[in-house]
N, C-alpha and C. Protein backbone atom coordinates (compact mmCIF):
# COMPACT_ATOMS: atom_id res chain seq x y z
N MET A 1 0.85 -1.18 0.00
CA MET A 1 0.00 0.00 0.00
C MET A 1 0.89 1.24 0.00
N ASP A 2 0.55 2.20 -0.84
CA ASP A 2 1.24 3.48 -0.87
C ASP A 2 1.06 4.14 0.50
N ILE A 3 2.15 4.71 1.04
CA ILE A 3 2.05 5.27 2.39
C ILE A 3 1.13 6.47 2.48
N SER A 4 0.73 7.04 1.34
CA SER A 4 -0.17 8.19 1.38
C SER A 4 -1.64 7.76 1.38
N THR A 5 -1.88 6.45 1.41
CA THR A 5 -3.25 5.94 1.42
C THR A 5 -3.49 5.19 2.72
N TYR A 6 -4.65 5.36 3.31
CA TYR A 6 -5.00 4.59 4.49
C TYR A 6 -6.46 4.19 4.40
N ARG A 7 -6.87 3.31 5.25
CA ARG A 7 -8.25 2.83 5.24
C ARG A 7 -9.11 3.74 6.11
N LEU A 8 -10.11 4.31 5.50
CA LEU A 8 -11.06 5.15 6.22
C LEU A 8 -12.30 4.33 6.50
N THR A 9 -12.58 4.10 7.75
CA THR A 9 -13.75 3.33 8.14
C THR A 9 -14.88 4.31 8.46
N LYS A 10 -16.00 4.13 7.82
CA LYS A 10 -17.16 5.00 8.06
C LYS A 10 -18.03 4.42 9.16
N ASP A 11 -18.66 5.29 9.95
CA ASP A 11 -19.59 4.88 11.00
C ASP A 11 -18.99 3.82 11.91
N GLY A 12 -17.80 4.11 12.44
CA GLY A 12 -17.06 3.15 13.26
C GLY A 12 -17.79 2.75 14.53
N ASP A 13 -17.58 1.54 14.95
CA ASP A 13 -18.07 1.03 16.22
C ASP A 13 -17.22 1.67 17.32
N HIS A 14 -17.81 2.46 18.18
CA HIS A 14 -17.06 3.22 19.18
C HIS A 14 -16.31 2.35 20.18
N THR A 15 -16.71 1.11 20.37
CA THR A 15 -16.03 0.29 21.37
C THR A 15 -14.75 -0.32 20.84
N LYS A 16 -14.69 -0.58 19.56
CA LYS A 16 -13.49 -1.21 19.02
C LYS A 16 -12.85 -0.40 17.91
N GLY A 17 -13.46 0.70 17.49
CA GLY A 17 -12.89 1.51 16.42
C GLY A 17 -13.01 0.85 15.06
N ARG A 18 -13.98 -0.02 14.88
CA ARG A 18 -14.17 -0.71 13.62
C ARG A 18 -15.61 -0.56 13.16
N ASN A 19 -15.79 -0.58 11.88
CA ASN A 19 -17.12 -0.54 11.31
C ASN A 19 -17.78 -1.90 11.54
N PRO A 20 -18.95 -1.96 12.16
CA PRO A 20 -19.59 -3.24 12.41
C PRO A 20 -19.98 -3.97 11.12
N HIS A 21 -20.10 -3.23 10.01
CA HIS A 21 -20.47 -3.83 8.73
C HIS A 21 -19.25 -4.20 7.91
N GLY A 22 -18.07 -3.80 8.37
CA GLY A 22 -16.83 -4.19 7.71
C GLY A 22 -16.49 -3.41 6.45
N SER A 23 -17.24 -2.38 6.08
CA SER A 23 -16.90 -1.64 4.86
C SER A 23 -15.91 -0.53 5.16
N ALA A 24 -15.05 -0.27 4.20
CA ALA A 24 -14.04 0.77 4.35
C ALA A 24 -13.81 1.41 2.99
N THR A 25 -13.28 2.60 3.00
CA THR A 25 -13.00 3.33 1.78
C THR A 25 -11.55 3.75 1.79
N ASP A 26 -10.85 3.56 0.66
CA ASP A 26 -9.48 4.04 0.56
C ASP A 26 -9.49 5.55 0.40
N VAL A 27 -8.60 6.22 1.10
CA VAL A 27 -8.50 7.67 1.03
C VAL A 27 -7.06 8.03 0.73
N ASP A 28 -6.85 8.93 -0.21
CA ASP A 28 -5.52 9.40 -0.54
C ASP A 28 -5.31 10.70 0.21
N LEU A 29 -4.36 10.72 1.13
CA LEU A 29 -4.14 11.90 1.97
C LEU A 29 -3.66 13.10 1.16
N ARG A 30 -3.12 12.88 -0.03
CA ARG A 30 -2.63 14.01 -0.83
C ARG A 30 -3.78 14.78 -1.44
N THR A 31 -4.95 14.15 -1.59
CA THR A 31 -6.04 14.81 -2.29
C THR A 31 -7.33 14.91 -1.49
N SER A 32 -7.64 13.95 -0.65
CA SER A 32 -8.93 13.93 0.02
C SER A 32 -8.80 13.26 1.37
N PRO A 33 -9.17 13.85 2.45
CA PRO A 33 -9.53 15.26 2.55
C PRO A 33 -8.32 16.15 2.34
N LYS A 34 -8.55 17.38 1.95
CA LYS A 34 -7.45 18.28 1.61
C LYS A 34 -6.53 18.55 2.79
N ARG A 35 -5.24 18.40 2.55
CA ARG A 35 -4.23 18.75 3.56
C ARG A 35 -4.21 20.26 3.67
N GLU A 36 -4.13 20.75 4.88
CA GLU A 36 -4.14 22.19 5.11
C GLU A 36 -2.72 22.66 5.40
N VAL A 37 -2.11 23.27 4.41
CA VAL A 37 -0.74 23.77 4.56
C VAL A 37 -0.75 24.92 5.55
N GLY A 38 0.26 24.93 6.43
CA GLY A 38 0.36 25.99 7.42
C GLY A 38 -0.15 25.57 8.79
N ASN A 39 -0.75 24.41 8.88
CA ASN A 39 -1.28 23.93 10.16
C ASN A 39 -0.45 22.78 10.71
N GLU A 40 0.79 22.66 10.26
CA GLU A 40 1.66 21.58 10.70
C GLU A 40 2.03 21.78 12.17
N MET A 41 2.21 20.67 12.86
CA MET A 41 2.54 20.74 14.29
C MET A 41 3.68 19.78 14.62
N ARG A 42 4.24 20.00 15.78
CA ARG A 42 5.21 19.07 16.37
C ARG A 42 4.41 18.09 17.23
N ILE A 43 4.58 16.78 16.96
CA ILE A 43 3.77 15.77 17.61
C ILE A 43 4.66 14.70 18.25
N TYR A 44 4.28 14.28 19.45
CA TYR A 44 4.92 13.14 20.10
C TYR A 44 3.96 11.98 20.03
N VAL A 45 4.44 10.82 19.57
CA VAL A 45 3.63 9.62 19.48
C VAL A 45 4.14 8.61 20.50
N ALA A 46 3.28 8.24 21.44
CA ALA A 46 3.64 7.29 22.51
C ALA A 46 2.91 5.98 22.28
N SER A 47 3.56 4.89 22.67
CA SER A 47 2.93 3.59 22.55
C SER A 47 3.81 2.54 23.20
N SER A 48 3.61 1.32 22.78
CA SER A 48 4.37 0.18 23.24
C SER A 48 5.19 -0.37 22.07
N PHE A 49 6.33 -0.97 22.38
CA PHE A 49 7.12 -1.62 21.33
C PHE A 49 6.30 -2.71 20.64
N LYS A 50 5.33 -3.28 21.34
CA LYS A 50 4.49 -4.32 20.75
C LYS A 50 3.59 -3.78 19.64
N LEU A 51 3.39 -2.49 19.61
CA LEU A 51 2.52 -1.86 18.60
C LEU A 51 3.33 -1.04 17.59
N LEU A 52 4.58 -1.38 17.44
CA LEU A 52 5.50 -0.58 16.62
C LEU A 52 5.06 -0.46 15.17
N ASP A 53 4.49 -1.50 14.59
CA ASP A 53 4.03 -1.40 13.19
C ASP A 53 2.94 -0.34 13.06
N ARG A 54 2.01 -0.29 14.01
CA ARG A 54 0.95 0.74 13.99
C ARG A 54 1.54 2.14 14.14
N VAL A 55 2.50 2.24 15.06
CA VAL A 55 3.15 3.53 15.30
C VAL A 55 3.82 4.03 14.03
N LYS A 56 4.60 3.19 13.40
CA LYS A 56 5.33 3.59 12.19
C LYS A 56 4.38 3.99 11.07
N GLU A 57 3.30 3.25 10.90
CA GLU A 57 2.33 3.61 9.85
C GLU A 57 1.67 4.94 10.17
N LEU A 58 1.29 5.17 11.41
CA LEU A 58 0.69 6.45 11.78
C LEU A 58 1.68 7.58 11.57
N VAL A 59 2.92 7.38 11.95
CA VAL A 59 3.95 8.41 11.77
C VAL A 59 4.11 8.76 10.29
N ARG A 60 4.09 7.76 9.42
CA ARG A 60 4.19 8.05 7.98
C ARG A 60 3.02 8.93 7.53
N LEU A 61 1.82 8.63 8.00
CA LEU A 61 0.66 9.43 7.64
C LEU A 61 0.76 10.85 8.19
N LEU A 62 1.22 10.97 9.43
CA LEU A 62 1.37 12.30 10.03
C LEU A 62 2.42 13.12 9.28
N GLU A 63 3.48 12.49 8.86
CA GLU A 63 4.52 13.21 8.11
C GLU A 63 4.03 13.63 6.73
N ILE A 64 3.19 12.81 6.10
CA ILE A 64 2.56 13.21 4.83
C ILE A 64 1.73 14.46 5.04
N GLU A 65 1.10 14.55 6.19
CA GLU A 65 0.30 15.73 6.54
C GLU A 65 1.17 16.95 6.82
N GLY A 66 2.48 16.76 6.92
CA GLY A 66 3.39 17.88 7.16
C GLY A 66 3.82 18.03 8.61
N HIS A 67 3.36 17.14 9.48
CA HIS A 67 3.73 17.23 10.89
C HIS A 67 5.14 16.72 11.12
N THR A 68 5.74 17.19 12.19
CA THR A 68 7.07 16.75 12.61
C THR A 68 6.92 15.90 13.86
N ILE A 69 7.55 14.75 13.88
CA ILE A 69 7.55 13.89 15.06
C ILE A 69 8.73 14.32 15.91
N THR A 70 8.48 14.71 17.15
CA THR A 70 9.55 15.28 17.98
C THR A 70 10.63 14.27 18.32
N VAL A 71 10.25 13.01 18.56
CA VAL A 71 11.22 11.95 18.89
C VAL A 71 10.71 10.65 18.30
N LYS A 72 11.56 9.98 17.56
CA LYS A 72 11.24 8.63 17.07
C LYS A 72 11.98 7.66 17.98
N TRP A 73 11.40 7.40 19.14
CA TRP A 73 12.02 6.63 20.21
C TRP A 73 12.38 5.21 19.79
N TRP A 74 11.70 4.67 18.82
CA TRP A 74 11.93 3.29 18.38
C TRP A 74 13.16 3.16 17.48
N SER A 75 13.68 4.27 16.96
CA SER A 75 14.80 4.17 16.01
C SER A 75 16.02 4.98 16.42
N ARG A 76 16.08 5.36 17.69
CA ARG A 76 17.22 6.11 18.19
C ARG A 76 18.47 5.23 18.10
N GLU A 77 19.59 5.83 17.70
CA GLU A 77 20.86 5.09 17.62
C GLU A 77 21.74 5.43 18.81
N TYR A 78 22.44 4.42 19.30
CA TYR A 78 23.38 4.58 20.40
C TYR A 78 24.74 4.07 19.94
N ASN A 79 25.79 4.77 20.32
CA ASN A 79 27.14 4.28 20.11
C ASN A 79 27.57 3.55 21.38
N ILE A 80 27.62 2.24 21.30
CA ILE A 80 27.99 1.41 22.45
C ILE A 80 29.47 1.06 22.32
N PRO A 81 30.30 1.44 23.30
CA PRO A 81 31.72 1.11 23.21
C PRO A 81 31.95 -0.38 22.95
N GLY A 82 32.76 -0.64 21.95
CA GLY A 82 33.07 -2.02 21.60
C GLY A 82 32.03 -2.71 20.73
N GLU A 83 30.88 -2.06 20.53
CA GLU A 83 29.81 -2.68 19.74
C GLU A 83 29.40 -1.84 18.54
N GLY A 84 29.67 -0.55 18.56
CA GLY A 84 29.24 0.32 17.48
C GLY A 84 27.83 0.82 17.68
N LYS A 85 27.17 1.13 16.56
CA LYS A 85 25.81 1.68 16.62
C LYS A 85 24.79 0.58 16.84
N VAL A 86 23.88 0.86 17.78
CA VAL A 86 22.79 -0.06 18.11
C VAL A 86 21.52 0.78 18.20
N ILE A 87 20.40 0.28 17.63
CA ILE A 87 19.15 1.05 17.71
C ILE A 87 18.32 0.60 18.91
N THR A 88 17.36 1.43 19.27
CA THR A 88 16.54 1.23 20.46
C THR A 88 15.91 -0.16 20.53
N THR A 89 15.34 -0.63 19.43
CA THR A 89 14.66 -1.92 19.48
C THR A 89 15.62 -3.05 19.84
N GLU A 90 16.85 -2.99 19.36
CA GLU A 90 17.85 -4.01 19.72
C GLU A 90 18.25 -3.88 21.19
N LEU A 91 18.44 -2.64 21.65
CA LEU A 91 18.78 -2.44 23.07
C LEU A 91 17.68 -2.99 23.97
N LYS A 92 16.43 -2.75 23.61
CA LYS A 92 15.31 -3.26 24.42
C LYS A 92 15.42 -4.77 24.58
N ARG A 93 15.68 -5.46 23.48
CA ARG A 93 15.82 -6.93 23.56
C ARG A 93 16.95 -7.32 24.50
N ARG A 94 18.08 -6.63 24.40
CA ARG A 94 19.25 -6.95 25.23
C ARG A 94 19.00 -6.65 26.71
N TYR A 95 18.30 -5.56 26.97
CA TYR A 95 18.15 -5.08 28.34
C TYR A 95 17.02 -5.75 29.11
N GLU A 96 16.17 -6.51 28.43
CA GLU A 96 15.05 -7.16 29.12
C GLU A 96 15.53 -8.11 30.21
N GLU A 97 16.73 -8.65 30.07
CA GLU A 97 17.24 -9.61 31.05
C GLU A 97 18.05 -8.95 32.17
N LEU A 98 18.32 -7.65 32.05
CA LEU A 98 19.08 -6.97 33.10
C LEU A 98 18.23 -6.77 34.35
N ASP A 99 18.87 -6.80 35.50
CA ASP A 99 18.13 -6.44 36.71
C ASP A 99 17.97 -4.92 36.72
N PRO A 100 17.00 -4.41 37.48
CA PRO A 100 16.72 -2.97 37.46
C PRO A 100 17.94 -2.10 37.74
N GLU A 101 18.77 -2.48 38.69
CA GLU A 101 19.95 -1.67 39.02
C GLU A 101 20.88 -1.52 37.82
N ASP A 102 21.14 -2.60 37.12
CA ASP A 102 22.00 -2.55 35.94
C ASP A 102 21.35 -1.76 34.81
N PHE A 103 20.05 -1.96 34.63
CA PHE A 103 19.32 -1.24 33.58
C PHE A 103 19.42 0.27 33.78
N TYR A 104 19.13 0.73 35.01
CA TYR A 104 19.14 2.17 35.27
C TYR A 104 20.54 2.76 35.31
N ALA A 105 21.55 1.93 35.46
CA ALA A 105 22.94 2.40 35.46
C ALA A 105 23.48 2.61 34.04
N ARG A 106 22.81 2.07 33.04
CA ARG A 106 23.28 2.18 31.65
C ARG A 106 23.13 3.62 31.17
N PRO A 107 24.15 4.18 30.52
CA PRO A 107 24.04 5.56 30.01
C PRO A 107 22.93 5.73 28.97
N GLU A 108 22.61 4.66 28.27
CA GLU A 108 21.55 4.74 27.26
C GLU A 108 20.19 4.97 27.91
N THR A 109 20.00 4.46 29.11
CA THR A 109 18.74 4.65 29.82
C THR A 109 18.55 6.13 30.13
N SER A 110 19.59 6.76 30.62
CA SER A 110 19.53 8.19 30.92
C SER A 110 19.30 9.00 29.65
N ARG A 111 20.02 8.67 28.61
CA ARG A 111 19.89 9.39 27.34
C ARG A 111 18.46 9.28 26.80
N SER A 112 17.89 8.08 26.86
CA SER A 112 16.52 7.87 26.38
C SER A 112 15.52 8.68 27.20
N TYR A 113 15.69 8.66 28.51
CA TYR A 113 14.78 9.41 29.38
C TYR A 113 14.77 10.89 28.99
N TYR A 114 15.94 11.50 28.91
CA TYR A 114 15.99 12.93 28.63
C TYR A 114 15.49 13.27 27.23
N ALA A 115 15.79 12.42 26.25
CA ALA A 115 15.31 12.66 24.88
C ALA A 115 13.79 12.54 24.81
N ASP A 116 13.23 11.50 25.41
CA ASP A 116 11.78 11.31 25.37
C ASP A 116 11.06 12.39 26.16
N PHE A 117 11.57 12.72 27.34
CA PHE A 117 10.98 13.78 28.16
C PHE A 117 10.94 15.09 27.38
N GLN A 118 12.06 15.45 26.75
CA GLN A 118 12.11 16.70 25.99
C GLN A 118 11.21 16.63 24.76
N GLY A 119 11.14 15.43 24.14
CA GLY A 119 10.25 15.27 22.99
C GLY A 119 8.80 15.53 23.33
N VAL A 120 8.37 15.09 24.49
CA VAL A 120 7.00 15.37 24.93
C VAL A 120 6.85 16.87 25.20
N LYS A 121 7.80 17.46 25.91
CA LYS A 121 7.70 18.90 26.26
C LYS A 121 7.70 19.79 25.02
N ASP A 122 8.39 19.36 23.95
CA ASP A 122 8.47 20.15 22.72
C ASP A 122 7.25 20.00 21.82
N ALA A 123 6.38 19.03 22.12
CA ALA A 123 5.24 18.73 21.25
C ALA A 123 4.12 19.74 21.41
N GLN A 124 3.41 19.94 20.32
CA GLN A 124 2.19 20.75 20.34
C GLN A 124 0.95 19.87 20.44
N ALA A 125 1.15 18.57 20.20
CA ALA A 125 0.08 17.57 20.33
C ALA A 125 0.72 16.25 20.71
N PHE A 126 -0.03 15.43 21.42
CA PHE A 126 0.44 14.14 21.91
C PHE A 126 -0.54 13.08 21.45
N ILE A 127 -0.02 11.97 20.89
CA ILE A 127 -0.89 10.88 20.44
C ILE A 127 -0.47 9.60 21.15
N PHE A 128 -1.45 8.94 21.75
CA PHE A 128 -1.25 7.66 22.43
C PHE A 128 -1.82 6.58 21.51
N VAL A 129 -0.95 5.71 20.98
CA VAL A 129 -1.39 4.60 20.13
C VAL A 129 -1.60 3.40 21.03
N ALA A 130 -2.85 2.97 21.15
CA ALA A 130 -3.19 1.85 22.03
C ALA A 130 -3.59 0.63 21.20
N ALA A 131 -3.64 -0.51 21.86
CA ALA A 131 -4.06 -1.76 21.22
C ALA A 131 -5.57 -1.75 21.01
N ASP A 132 -6.07 -2.77 20.29
CA ASP A 132 -7.51 -2.88 20.05
C ASP A 132 -8.29 -3.21 21.32
N GLU A 133 -7.66 -3.91 22.24
CA GLU A 133 -8.28 -4.24 23.51
C GLU A 133 -7.55 -3.49 24.63
N PRO A 134 -8.24 -3.00 25.63
CA PRO A 134 -7.59 -2.27 26.72
C PRO A 134 -6.52 -3.12 27.41
N ARG A 135 -5.40 -2.49 27.75
CA ARG A 135 -4.32 -3.17 28.49
C ARG A 135 -3.49 -2.11 29.19
N ALA A 136 -2.63 -2.55 30.09
CA ALA A 136 -1.77 -1.63 30.84
C ALA A 136 -0.59 -1.18 29.98
N TYR A 137 -0.13 0.03 30.22
CA TYR A 137 1.05 0.60 29.55
C TYR A 137 1.97 1.15 30.63
N ASN A 138 3.23 1.19 30.35
CA ASN A 138 4.20 1.72 31.31
C ASN A 138 4.67 3.10 30.87
N GLY A 139 5.71 3.14 30.05
CA GLY A 139 6.31 4.40 29.65
C GLY A 139 5.35 5.35 28.97
N ALA A 140 4.46 4.83 28.13
CA ALA A 140 3.51 5.69 27.42
C ALA A 140 2.60 6.43 28.40
N ASN A 141 2.23 5.79 29.50
CA ASN A 141 1.42 6.48 30.50
C ASN A 141 2.20 7.58 31.21
N VAL A 142 3.49 7.36 31.44
CA VAL A 142 4.33 8.40 32.04
C VAL A 142 4.42 9.58 31.09
N GLU A 143 4.65 9.29 29.81
CA GLU A 143 4.74 10.36 28.80
C GLU A 143 3.42 11.11 28.70
N LEU A 144 2.31 10.38 28.74
CA LEU A 144 1.00 11.03 28.73
C LEU A 144 0.84 11.95 29.93
N GLY A 145 1.29 11.52 31.09
CA GLY A 145 1.21 12.36 32.29
C GLY A 145 2.01 13.66 32.13
N ILE A 146 3.17 13.57 31.51
CA ILE A 146 3.97 14.77 31.24
C ILE A 146 3.19 15.72 30.34
N ALA A 147 2.61 15.16 29.26
CA ALA A 147 1.85 15.98 28.32
C ALA A 147 0.63 16.62 28.99
N LEU A 148 -0.10 15.84 29.75
CA LEU A 148 -1.28 16.39 30.44
C LEU A 148 -0.86 17.48 31.43
N GLY A 149 0.24 17.26 32.13
CA GLY A 149 0.73 18.25 33.08
C GLY A 149 1.14 19.55 32.43
N ASP A 150 1.57 19.47 31.17
CA ASP A 150 1.96 20.67 30.42
C ASP A 150 0.80 21.22 29.58
N HIS A 151 -0.39 20.67 29.75
CA HIS A 151 -1.59 21.11 29.02
C HIS A 151 -1.42 20.99 27.51
N ILE A 152 -0.72 19.95 27.08
CA ILE A 152 -0.57 19.65 25.65
C ILE A 152 -1.82 18.87 25.23
N PRO A 153 -2.48 19.24 24.14
CA PRO A 153 -3.65 18.48 23.69
C PRO A 153 -3.26 17.01 23.44
N CYS A 154 -4.04 16.09 24.02
CA CYS A 154 -3.72 14.67 23.94
C CYS A 154 -4.84 13.92 23.23
N PHE A 155 -4.43 13.00 22.36
CA PHE A 155 -5.35 12.18 21.58
C PHE A 155 -4.96 10.73 21.75
N SER A 156 -5.92 9.83 21.56
CA SER A 156 -5.61 8.40 21.55
C SER A 156 -6.31 7.76 20.38
N ILE A 157 -5.72 6.67 19.93
CA ILE A 157 -6.35 5.83 18.92
C ILE A 157 -6.14 4.40 19.41
N GLY A 158 -7.21 3.64 19.46
CA GLY A 158 -7.18 2.32 20.08
C GLY A 158 -7.95 2.38 21.39
N ALA A 159 -7.95 1.27 22.11
CA ALA A 159 -8.74 1.16 23.34
C ALA A 159 -7.88 1.38 24.58
N LEU A 160 -8.26 2.35 25.37
CA LEU A 160 -7.57 2.61 26.64
C LEU A 160 -8.35 1.95 27.78
N GLU A 161 -7.64 1.62 28.85
CA GLU A 161 -8.32 1.13 30.04
C GLU A 161 -9.19 2.26 30.61
N LYS A 162 -10.16 1.90 31.41
CA LYS A 162 -10.97 2.91 32.08
C LYS A 162 -10.14 3.53 33.20
N SER A 163 -9.91 4.81 33.11
CA SER A 163 -9.17 5.54 34.13
C SER A 163 -9.61 6.99 34.10
N VAL A 164 -9.81 7.57 35.27
CA VAL A 164 -10.18 8.99 35.32
C VAL A 164 -9.07 9.86 34.73
N LEU A 165 -7.85 9.38 34.73
CA LEU A 165 -6.75 10.18 34.20
C LEU A 165 -6.77 10.29 32.68
N TYR A 166 -7.57 9.47 32.00
CA TYR A 166 -7.74 9.59 30.55
C TYR A 166 -8.90 10.51 30.20
N TYR A 167 -9.53 11.11 31.19
CA TYR A 167 -10.74 11.90 30.99
C TYR A 167 -10.56 12.98 29.91
N THR A 168 -9.46 13.73 29.93
CA THR A 168 -9.29 14.84 28.99
C THR A 168 -8.65 14.41 27.67
N VAL A 169 -8.31 13.15 27.51
CA VAL A 169 -7.73 12.66 26.27
C VAL A 169 -8.85 12.52 25.23
N THR A 170 -8.65 13.10 24.06
CA THR A 170 -9.61 12.95 22.97
C THR A 170 -9.43 11.56 22.37
N LYS A 171 -10.47 10.74 22.45
CA LYS A 171 -10.39 9.36 22.00
C LYS A 171 -10.92 9.26 20.58
N CYS A 172 -10.04 8.87 19.65
CA CYS A 172 -10.41 8.77 18.23
C CYS A 172 -10.62 7.31 17.88
N ILE A 173 -11.62 7.05 17.04
CA ILE A 173 -11.93 5.67 16.69
C ILE A 173 -11.32 5.25 15.36
N SER A 174 -10.73 6.20 14.63
CA SER A 174 -10.11 5.86 13.35
C SER A 174 -8.96 6.83 13.07
N THR A 175 -8.11 6.44 12.17
CA THR A 175 -7.02 7.32 11.74
C THR A 175 -7.59 8.58 11.11
N PHE A 176 -8.65 8.42 10.33
CA PHE A 176 -9.30 9.56 9.69
C PHE A 176 -9.77 10.57 10.74
N GLU A 177 -10.43 10.08 11.80
CA GLU A 177 -10.91 10.97 12.85
C GLU A 177 -9.74 11.67 13.54
N LEU A 178 -8.68 10.93 13.81
CA LEU A 178 -7.49 11.51 14.45
C LEU A 178 -6.91 12.63 13.60
N ILE A 179 -6.74 12.37 12.31
CA ILE A 179 -6.17 13.39 11.42
C ILE A 179 -7.10 14.59 11.33
N SER A 180 -8.40 14.37 11.31
CA SER A 180 -9.35 15.48 11.30
C SER A 180 -9.23 16.31 12.57
N CYS A 181 -9.10 15.65 13.72
CA CYS A 181 -8.93 16.38 14.98
C CYS A 181 -7.64 17.19 14.98
N LEU A 182 -6.57 16.61 14.45
CA LEU A 182 -5.29 17.34 14.38
C LEU A 182 -5.38 18.54 13.45
N ARG A 183 -6.10 18.39 12.35
CA ARG A 183 -6.29 19.53 11.43
C ARG A 183 -7.04 20.65 12.14
N GLU A 184 -8.08 20.29 12.88
CA GLU A 184 -8.85 21.30 13.63
C GLU A 184 -7.95 21.98 14.67
N LEU A 185 -7.16 21.21 15.40
CA LEU A 185 -6.25 21.77 16.38
C LEU A 185 -5.23 22.68 15.71
N GLY A 186 -4.71 22.25 14.56
CA GLY A 186 -3.71 23.04 13.84
C GLY A 186 -4.20 24.42 13.44
N ARG A 187 -5.49 24.55 13.22
CA ARG A 187 -6.06 25.86 12.87
C ARG A 187 -6.04 26.82 14.06
N THR A 188 -5.94 26.27 15.28
CA THR A 188 -6.00 27.12 16.46
C THR A 188 -4.63 27.45 17.04
N ILE A 189 -3.60 26.77 16.55
CA ILE A 189 -2.24 26.98 17.10
C ILE A 189 -1.51 28.05 16.30
């Protein structure tokens, strides 16, 4: 699929973000709905490594819209002495077996924290990419808390657990709805 095309689901089921009848329409972001030049924003996208394919696809669509992603946490490169360049996804695999003390002592942990923290603070909008079924999140919830504390407009796509702390998050049921909400926000910034 061309990265400028995504599936637009009409009349989505609000509980799962899917059309109960299963029909969808292809939409070309370059032509319909019209991209609004001048409304580009800096956006932080939070999620889980388990949802990385969804995150990457959403980021491609956001970049087609002209938005800038403040931090691409999944593809950060680290220079590890004696090993060379290693990207975040590889480090995550390696570090899963470390005990907490060793994990937090790694310089890459500190570097990631400061980069992600600043990426959230620099954003004009925050997007939480969640799974189809509600589940717990770790880092993405911390990042969401930073954004909410800074009064950054927050959006989600996917199913979040029931929590009063998600009250002010705009919950979108489709990529189309999310992009429409971002376009509306962009007109006000």
